[in-house]
Every structure is written in C-alpha cells, then in structure tokens.
Amino acid sequence: MNHELLNLDLLKQAILKPQILKPKILKPKPFILTVRGPVSPSELGTCYAHEHLLGRPPPDTSDDPDFVLGDEEAAAVELKRFRRAGGRAVVEMSTADYGRDAAGLRRLSERTGVHIVCATGYNKDRFSARHVEGVSVGELTDRFAAEIQTGIDGTGVRAGLVKAASTLNSISPTAERAFRAAARTHRRTGAPISTHTEAGTMALEQIRLLESEGVDPSHVLIGHMDRRLDVAYHLEVAATGAALGYDQISKEKYYPDVKRAESIAALVDEGYGSHVVLGGDLARRSYWPAYGFAAAPGFSFILERFVPRLWDVGLGEVEVDDLLIHNPARILTFAAPSEDRSDAGSGRGDDRITHRARGNDDVE
C-alpha cells in the first residue's frame, strides 16, 4: 500500500469535506446541584420543592422561638420519616439572611441519604434589607454566583438555585434589585430561580421583571401560589411558562387541602399539570412531630395524606409522579449559561425601579 497516496487522499477529503476531521463536541450532561454535589435529574426522585430544615430569622425580626429550626437531630428524624414514606429529595429555601446552615444541610444529607438542594439569594425585605440596601445589582450577582460556582462560606457546599422574594402586593426597590441580581445569576450560571410571593400576590409582576432581564420563565418557580387559590389567576401564571409552587400543603388555616387538590386537578385538566410542584414550607417547630408536636403534619404528610386527596379528585399515578418527580427534576436542572460577560458586575439597571408600593408582610 502506498501510504503517501493514502495520506494525500485524506488531505484532499479534508479540504473538500473539512467536517470529517472536526472533533466531536460533547453536549454537557444535565445536572441538579445538591449540597453533596451534582446529580442527574433522573436520580432526584420524589421531591418537595419548598421546605425548611435548618434556619432562624434574625433576632431583631422575630422573637418567636417557633421559627428557630436549629436541631439537626430533629431534622434527621423528619427526613428519615420522609424517606420511609418514599421521599428522596428536598429543596431547602433558607437563605443567608434567614440563618442558612450549609454545612449542617450537607451533614443531614450524608446522614439520611436524602438529596438536599440549598438556596442562594435572599428572602423578603424584612430579613434581606440590611444585606441589599446600598449594594449594586452587579455586586449582588457576584455574591450569588460565587455561592453557586465556588461554595458557601468556605464550606464547599454549592447552592443549587437562586431565591428572590416580594412582599404583599409589592415589589419594593430593594426587592427589585435582588430580583435583577437573581436573573443575572441565572444567566451567568444557569441556576434555576425560585421565588417567595406574599400570599400569592405579585406572581405575574415577578415573572415580567425576570423576563425584562432575559430569563425564560420555564426556569422560574413561583412560590406559595396556593395562598391564593384562584384558578383563573393560576392559569394566567402557568401560561407564561413558569411553574407554580403549591407549597402550603397541610396549612388549613389558609385553605382546606381538598381545595388545593381541586385546584391542582383543574390545572391538570387545562393541560398545565407539568407546571405544578408540591411542598409544605414547614418553617415552624410546631409543624414537626420531631419537635414534640404529635399532631403536627411533618415531612411525611404530603406523601401519606395529601396524595390520597389527589387520587380522590381524579388524578392518576402519572399525574402525581409529574407533580412530585418529573416536574421538580426538570425545574431544578441547570440551564446553559447565557450571560454577556461584558455586563457582568456592572450594576447596570439599578435605577429601573418600577414597583414602589409597600405592603404588610408576615413571617411565613
């Protein structure tokens, strides 16, 4: 065989068809970022999308000990009950301004085998104002992105989503700055965004604000929507592409759970079953049997007592699996970063304040 002629033929082919010598570009594998590192979306399993395990409000914002969740042993007990009921993952929404304990969350995950996703970003003004006032959007973005890309407070634990929050019927100038930073963090890192609404208000305004910063609503979860059980309103939110958090389950002081189940069934009937996730937001000791409240719902409530209500209103296994498994996995999966780095850290847009009205807000 004449190797010189063979090499010449290959060279001619490369000139005429250069694609034959192009290296194969591997598409990054999808991942969800937990406190123990990235996992495949298929590994997540049954997931509560908005919970609290360890955290406490600043002492000058609340003197109610019911909000102090500082007992890792109690949290481990609840997570083990959750796991025995079929649970596999929890999104822990405590942020730095609410006493987040990233190292403690990793210990809990290692101890119980439950995947835990923790949050960067901030809670509502009552807790976050001291951290946000006087800080540019660019600086906040750098702060949030570092907790996703590098880790939290030297622990090596990386946040898996960005939280932003509004108050009752209001997005204050301070909150707007945090929302814009959350949006830019998403664009820089691909991390999903999960929000707090006060009593279900300002959902559409949150989405419009994030869209104005280039965020696709399909990467946004709007929290506490079952504090305002208005199906027409929920359909309007779902039509944007965002997901809705029904995360006040068991709290009948707001609505009976049967009403929540009926509202979810209505969204499923309208074709929006893929836009709903579930959670309990159990941010008080009095919600946990492990703290000595025997009649409290605890972390097994949704799987053991609310899922049967969903069956009663006509949902089947496929629909329930969407709510608890497939929808959370999709929403928590990182997107491809899309930020123009020339704008990174500039703080541009700090003066675009659009919602100045303030409202009263509760702790939850």
Protein backbone atom coordinates (compact mmCIF):
# COMPACT_ATOMS: atom_id res chain seq x y z
CA MET A 1 0.00 0.00 0.00
CA ASN A 2 1.27 3.47 -0.94
CA HIS A 3 0.89 5.41 2.33
CA GLU A 4 1.88 8.70 0.69
CA LEU A 5 -1.01 8.43 -1.78
CA LEU A 6 -3.39 7.44 1.04
CA ASN A 7 -2.37 10.48 3.11
CA LEU A 8 -2.78 12.70 0.07
CA ASP A 9 -6.29 11.35 -0.49
CA LEU A 10 -7.19 12.05 3.14
CA LEU A 11 -5.85 15.58 2.83
CA LYS A 12 -7.94 16.18 -0.29
CA GLN A 13 -11.04 14.89 1.53
CA ALA A 14 -10.34 17.17 4.48
CA ILE A 15 -10.14 20.18 2.16
CA LEU A 16 -13.31 19.23 0.30
CA LYS A 17 -15.17 17.96 3.40
CA PRO A 18 -13.49 19.52 6.43
CA GLN A 19 -16.17 18.22 8.76
CA ILE A 20 -14.66 14.73 8.74
CA LEU A 21 -11.73 16.00 10.85
CA LYS A 22 -13.79 18.12 13.25
CA PRO A 23 -13.63 16.92 16.84
CA LYS A 24 -16.91 15.68 18.27
CA ILE A 25 -18.40 18.26 20.62
CA LEU A 26 -19.93 16.62 23.67
CA LYS A 27 -23.07 18.23 24.99
CA PRO A 28 -22.84 18.80 28.77
CA LYS A 29 -24.91 16.35 30.75
CA PRO A 30 -27.92 17.85 32.55
CA PHE A 31 -27.48 18.16 36.29
CA ILE A 32 -29.09 19.32 39.52
CA LEU A 33 -26.78 20.78 42.14
CA THR A 34 -27.27 19.37 45.65
CA VAL A 35 -25.34 20.02 48.87
CA ARG A 36 -23.28 16.88 48.15
CA GLY A 37 -22.61 17.84 44.55
CA PRO A 38 -24.29 17.46 41.16
CA VAL A 39 -26.72 14.63 40.43
CA SER A 40 -28.51 13.56 37.28
CA PRO A 41 -32.17 14.70 37.09
CA SER A 42 -33.14 11.03 36.90
CA GLU A 43 -31.51 10.45 40.31
CA LEU A 44 -33.52 13.10 42.17
CA GLY A 45 -36.65 11.07 42.89
CA THR A 46 -39.71 12.22 44.83
CA CYS A 47 -39.06 15.84 45.78
CA TYR A 48 -40.63 18.53 47.95
CA ALA A 49 -39.89 21.81 46.19
CA HIS A 50 -40.03 24.27 49.12
CA GLU A 51 -39.07 23.33 52.68
CA HIS A 52 -37.01 24.44 55.67
CA LEU A 53 -34.75 22.20 57.75
CA LEU A 54 -32.22 24.46 59.47
CA GLY A 55 -32.57 28.20 59.89
CA ARG A 56 -33.66 31.04 62.08
CA PRO A 57 -34.78 34.62 61.47
CA PRO A 58 -32.51 37.40 62.77
CA PRO A 59 -33.34 38.08 66.45
CA ASP A 60 -34.40 41.66 65.75
CA THR A 61 -37.05 40.49 63.24
CA SER A 62 -38.76 37.84 65.37
CA ASP A 63 -38.56 36.71 68.98
CA ASP A 64 -40.84 33.72 68.40
CA PRO A 65 -38.90 30.51 69.17
CA ASP A 66 -41.31 28.58 66.94
CA PHE A 67 -39.34 29.83 63.93
CA VAL A 68 -35.96 28.63 65.22
CA LEU A 69 -35.05 25.39 63.44
CA GLY A 70 -31.65 24.58 64.90
CA ASP A 71 -31.85 20.93 65.93
CA GLU A 72 -30.10 18.67 63.42
CA GLU A 73 -31.34 15.60 65.27
CA ALA A 74 -34.97 16.67 64.84
CA ALA A 75 -34.35 17.43 61.17
CA ALA A 76 -32.79 13.99 60.68
CA VAL A 77 -35.82 12.34 62.28
CA GLU A 78 -38.17 14.15 59.91
CA LEU A 79 -36.05 13.36 56.86
CA LYS A 80 -35.94 9.68 57.79
CA ARG A 81 -39.74 9.63 58.09
CA PHE A 82 -39.91 11.38 54.71
CA ARG A 83 -37.61 8.76 53.19
CA ARG A 84 -39.61 5.86 54.65
CA ALA A 85 -42.73 7.37 53.04
CA GLY A 86 -40.98 7.37 49.65
CA GLY A 87 -39.31 10.79 49.63
CA ARG A 88 -35.87 11.25 48.13
CA ALA A 89 -35.19 15.00 47.80
CA VAL A 90 -35.95 18.31 49.50
CA VAL A 91 -35.36 21.89 48.38
CA GLU A 92 -34.28 23.86 51.45
CA MET A 93 -35.18 27.52 50.94
CA SER A 94 -33.45 29.19 53.91
CA THR A 95 -31.06 31.87 52.65
CA ALA A 96 -28.14 33.70 54.30
CA ASP A 97 -30.44 36.37 55.75
CA TYR A 98 -32.53 33.64 57.41
CA GLY A 99 -29.81 31.68 59.17
CA ARG A 100 -28.96 29.20 56.42
CA ASP A 101 -26.62 26.40 57.60
CA ALA A 102 -24.99 24.92 54.50
CA ALA A 103 -22.61 22.64 56.40
CA GLY A 104 -25.48 21.34 58.53
CA LEU A 105 -27.51 20.58 55.43
CA ARG A 106 -24.66 18.54 53.99
CA ARG A 107 -24.37 16.58 57.23
CA LEU A 108 -28.12 15.90 57.13
CA SER A 109 -27.94 14.72 53.53
CA GLU A 110 -24.99 12.42 54.27
CA ARG A 111 -26.73 11.05 57.36
CA THR A 112 -30.15 10.39 55.83
CA GLY A 113 -29.42 9.77 52.15
CA VAL A 114 -31.92 12.48 51.14
CA HIS A 115 -30.82 14.84 48.38
CA ILE A 116 -30.94 18.46 49.59
CA VAL A 117 -30.81 21.48 47.30
CA CYS A 118 -29.99 24.73 49.10
CA ALA A 119 -30.52 28.32 48.04
CA THR A 120 -28.54 31.46 47.45
CA GLY A 121 -30.28 34.82 47.04
CA TYR A 122 -32.39 36.48 49.71
CA ASN A 123 -35.73 36.37 51.48
CA LYS A 124 -38.19 39.29 51.66
CA ASP A 125 -37.32 42.81 52.76
CA ARG A 126 -37.94 42.17 56.43
CA PHE A 127 -34.91 39.90 56.51
CA SER A 128 -32.86 40.94 53.49
CA ALA A 129 -32.88 44.75 53.52
CA ARG A 130 -29.68 45.03 55.57
CA HIS A 131 -27.90 42.79 53.05
CA VAL A 132 -29.20 44.52 49.91
CA GLU A 133 -29.50 48.24 50.61
CA GLY A 134 -26.58 50.16 49.18
CA VAL A 135 -25.37 47.17 47.17
CA SER A 136 -25.47 47.24 43.37
CA VAL A 137 -27.15 44.62 41.20
CA GLY A 138 -23.74 43.66 39.88
CA GLU A 139 -22.31 43.13 43.36
CA LEU A 140 -25.31 41.04 44.39
CA THR A 141 -24.94 38.99 41.23
CA ASP A 142 -21.29 38.31 42.01
CA ARG A 143 -22.25 37.29 45.56
CA PHE A 144 -24.98 34.88 44.46
CA ALA A 145 -22.95 33.40 41.59
CA ALA A 146 -19.99 32.71 43.87
CA GLU A 147 -22.20 30.65 46.18
CA ILE A 148 -23.22 28.52 43.19
CA GLN A 149 -19.87 28.25 41.44
CA THR A 150 -17.43 28.20 44.37
CA GLY A 151 -19.37 27.46 47.56
CA ILE A 152 -20.95 28.96 50.66
CA ASP A 153 -18.89 30.46 53.49
CA GLY A 154 -15.88 28.24 52.91
CA THR A 155 -17.88 25.00 53.31
CA GLY A 156 -17.53 23.84 49.72
CA VAL A 157 -21.32 23.39 49.65
CA ARG A 158 -22.73 24.97 46.50
CA ALA A 159 -26.20 26.45 46.15
CA GLY A 160 -28.47 24.83 43.59
CA LEU A 161 -30.91 27.67 42.97
CA VAL A 162 -31.43 31.41 43.45
CA LYS A 163 -34.20 32.76 45.68
CA ALA A 164 -35.89 36.15 45.33
CA ALA A 165 -38.86 37.47 47.28
CA SER A 166 -41.52 40.15 47.21
CA THR A 167 -43.93 41.40 49.87
CA LEU A 168 -47.71 41.73 49.93
CA ASN A 169 -48.90 43.43 46.71
CA SER A 170 -45.46 44.98 46.28
CA ILE A 171 -42.02 44.63 44.80
CA SER A 172 -40.02 47.24 46.68
CA PRO A 173 -36.92 48.94 45.20
CA THR A 174 -34.77 46.73 47.45
CA ALA A 175 -36.55 43.58 46.31
CA GLU A 176 -36.33 44.62 42.68
CA ARG A 177 -32.56 44.89 42.98
CA ALA A 178 -32.45 41.35 44.37
CA PHE A 179 -34.72 40.06 41.59
CA ARG A 180 -32.49 41.59 38.93
CA ALA A 181 -29.45 40.03 40.58
CA ALA A 182 -31.23 36.66 40.69
CA ALA A 183 -31.96 36.97 36.97
CA ARG A 184 -28.35 37.82 36.12
CA THR A 185 -27.12 35.00 38.33
CA HIS A 186 -29.33 32.63 36.36
CA ARG A 187 -27.93 33.93 33.09
CA ARG A 188 -24.37 33.61 34.35
CA THR A 189 -24.64 30.17 35.97
CA GLY A 190 -27.78 28.52 34.60
CA ALA A 191 -29.17 28.05 38.13
CA PRO A 192 -32.97 27.95 38.39
CA ILE A 193 -34.88 30.70 40.21
CA SER A 194 -37.41 30.02 42.97
CA THR A 195 -39.41 32.90 44.42
CA HIS A 196 -41.38 33.84 47.50
CA THR A 197 -44.71 35.59 46.97
CA GLU A 198 -46.56 37.01 49.92
CA ALA A 199 -49.96 35.32 49.99
CA GLY A 200 -49.64 34.53 46.28
CA THR A 201 -49.50 38.17 45.17
CA MET A 202 -47.19 39.72 42.55
CA ALA A 203 -46.58 36.47 40.65
CA LEU A 204 -47.08 37.98 37.20
CA GLU A 205 -45.07 41.06 38.18
CA GLN A 206 -42.19 38.84 39.31
CA ILE A 207 -42.24 36.99 36.00
CA ARG A 208 -42.29 40.22 33.97
CA LEU A 209 -39.38 41.60 35.98
CA LEU A 210 -37.30 38.47 35.44
CA GLU A 211 -38.22 38.41 31.73
CA SER A 212 -37.01 42.01 31.42
CA GLU A 213 -33.58 40.68 32.44
CA GLY A 214 -33.63 37.93 29.81
CA VAL A 215 -34.89 35.00 31.89
CA ASP A 216 -37.04 32.34 30.23
CA PRO A 217 -39.94 31.72 32.67
CA SER A 218 -39.55 27.97 32.17
CA HIS A 219 -36.61 28.24 34.59
CA VAL A 220 -38.68 30.04 37.25
CA LEU A 221 -40.73 28.58 40.10
CA ILE A 222 -43.23 30.98 41.68
CA GLY A 223 -43.73 30.06 45.31
CA HIS A 224 -46.76 30.00 47.64
CA MET A 225 -49.34 30.11 44.87
CA ASP A 226 -51.75 28.08 47.00
CA ARG A 227 -52.00 31.02 49.36
CA ARG A 228 -54.28 32.46 46.66
CA LEU A 229 -56.44 29.70 45.23
CA ASP A 230 -57.73 31.45 42.14
CA VAL A 231 -57.64 29.00 39.22
CA ALA A 232 -58.00 31.71 36.56
CA TYR A 233 -55.02 33.54 38.06
CA HIS A 234 -53.00 30.33 38.24
CA LEU A 235 -53.77 29.55 34.61
CA GLU A 236 -52.50 33.01 33.66
CA VAL A 237 -49.26 32.38 35.55
CA ALA A 238 -48.82 28.90 34.07
CA ALA A 239 -49.38 30.25 30.56
CA THR A 240 -46.16 32.28 30.89
CA GLY A 241 -44.21 29.03 31.13
CA ALA A 242 -43.36 29.41 34.83
CA ALA A 243 -44.00 26.71 37.40
CA LEU A 244 -46.34 27.16 40.36
CA GLY A 245 -45.45 26.06 43.86
CA TYR A 246 -48.33 24.53 45.81
CA ASP A 247 -46.18 24.54 48.91
CA GLN A 248 -48.52 25.33 51.82
CA ILE A 249 -49.97 21.82 51.97
CA SER A 250 -51.33 20.87 55.43
CA LYS A 251 -51.87 24.54 56.40
CA GLU A 252 -55.64 24.57 56.60
CA LYS A 253 -55.56 27.97 58.29
CA TYR A 254 -55.20 29.30 54.74
CA TYR A 255 -57.28 26.80 52.71
CA PRO A 256 -58.51 23.23 53.20
CA ASP A 257 -56.27 20.73 51.43
CA VAL A 258 -59.22 19.46 49.44
CA LYS A 259 -59.39 22.90 47.78
CA ARG A 260 -55.71 22.66 46.92
CA ALA A 261 -56.27 19.24 45.38
CA GLU A 262 -59.23 20.51 43.35
CA SER A 263 -57.23 23.49 42.10
CA ILE A 264 -54.36 21.23 41.02
CA ALA A 265 -56.84 18.94 39.25
CA ALA A 266 -58.24 21.96 37.39
CA LEU A 267 -54.74 22.92 36.20
CA VAL A 268 -54.11 19.34 35.08
CA ASP A 269 -57.42 19.32 33.18
CA GLU A 270 -56.35 22.50 31.37
CA GLY A 271 -53.07 20.93 30.31
CA TYR A 272 -50.81 22.53 32.89
CA GLY A 273 -50.02 19.53 35.08
CA SER A 274 -46.35 19.88 34.12
CA HIS A 275 -46.28 23.35 35.73
CA VAL A 276 -47.04 22.38 39.34
CA VAL A 277 -44.78 21.20 42.17
CA LEU A 278 -45.61 20.41 45.79
CA GLY A 279 -44.20 21.27 49.21
CA GLY A 280 -45.11 22.03 52.80
CA ASP A 281 -42.89 25.02 53.72
CA LEU A 282 -42.70 23.63 57.27
CA ALA A 283 -40.76 26.57 58.72
CA ARG A 284 -42.07 26.29 62.30
CA ARG A 285 -41.23 23.82 65.05
CA SER A 286 -44.94 23.38 65.64
CA TYR A 287 -45.24 21.78 62.18
CA TRP A 288 -42.83 18.98 63.15
CA PRO A 289 -43.64 15.91 65.27
CA ALA A 290 -39.88 15.64 65.86
CA TYR A 291 -40.06 18.80 67.98
CA GLY A 292 -42.67 17.18 70.20
CA PHE A 293 -45.85 18.29 68.40
CA ALA A 294 -47.54 14.93 67.99
CA ALA A 295 -50.44 16.20 65.86
CA ALA A 296 -48.20 18.23 63.51
CA PRO A 297 -48.09 17.25 59.82
CA GLY A 298 -44.35 16.67 59.50
CA PHE A 299 -42.45 15.68 56.40
CA SER A 300 -44.45 12.53 55.66
CA PHE A 301 -47.77 14.39 55.39
CA ILE A 302 -47.82 15.08 51.65
CA LEU A 303 -46.92 11.53 50.65
CA GLU A 304 -49.12 9.79 53.19
CA ARG A 305 -52.14 12.10 53.44
CA PHE A 306 -52.24 14.63 50.58
CA VAL A 307 -51.51 12.26 47.69
CA PRO A 308 -54.69 10.26 48.51
CA ARG A 309 -56.63 13.53 48.20
CA LEU A 310 -55.19 13.93 44.69
CA TRP A 311 -56.41 10.45 43.84
CA ASP A 312 -59.84 11.35 45.21
CA VAL A 313 -60.14 14.29 42.78
CA GLY A 314 -59.28 12.09 39.80
CA LEU A 315 -55.51 12.29 39.38
CA GLY A 316 -53.71 9.09 38.50
CA GLU A 317 -50.22 7.79 39.08
CA VAL A 318 -48.82 9.52 36.00
CA GLU A 319 -50.11 12.94 37.07
CA VAL A 320 -48.94 12.54 40.67
CA ASP A 321 -45.49 11.42 39.50
CA ASP A 322 -45.30 14.59 37.43
CA LEU A 323 -46.05 16.74 40.48
CA LEU A 324 -43.55 15.01 42.75
CA ILE A 325 -40.84 13.61 40.47
CA HIS A 326 -40.67 14.82 36.89
CA ASN A 327 -41.62 18.49 37.34
CA PRO A 328 -39.16 19.17 40.18
CA ALA A 329 -36.38 17.39 38.30
CA ARG A 330 -36.96 19.49 35.20
CA ILE A 331 -37.26 22.80 37.06
CA LEU A 332 -34.16 22.21 39.21
CA THR A 333 -31.98 21.27 36.23
CA PHE A 334 -29.41 23.92 35.34
CA ALA A 335 -29.81 25.71 32.02
CA ALA A 336 -26.95 26.64 29.71
CA PRO A 337 -25.46 29.97 30.88
CA SER A 338 -26.32 32.85 28.55
CA GLU A 339 -24.84 35.98 30.08
CA ASP A 340 -22.93 38.56 28.04
CA ARG A 341 -19.90 38.86 30.32
CA SER A 342 -19.32 42.47 29.25
CA ASP A 343 -22.24 43.41 31.53
CA ALA A 344 -21.18 41.19 34.44
CA GLY A 345 -20.73 43.01 37.72
CA SER A 346 -21.55 46.40 36.21
CA GLY A 347 -24.64 47.01 38.32
CA ARG A 348 -26.36 48.30 35.18
CA GLY A 349 -30.11 48.64 35.58
CA ASP A 350 -30.06 49.61 39.28
CA ASP A 351 -32.19 52.67 38.51
CA ARG A 352 -35.03 50.77 36.77
CA ILE A 353 -37.39 50.71 39.73
CA THR A 354 -40.98 50.02 38.73
CA HIS A 355 -42.91 48.78 41.78
CA ARG A 356 -42.60 51.14 44.73
CA ALA A 357 -45.72 50.38 46.76
CA ARG A 358 -45.04 48.59 50.04
CA GLY A 359 -47.33 46.22 51.89
CA ASN A 360 -47.52 44.46 55.20
CA ASP A 361 -45.94 41.05 55.42
CA ASP A 362 -45.98 38.09 57.76
CA VAL A 363 -43.06 35.83 58.65
CA GLU A 364 -44.25 32.88 56.53
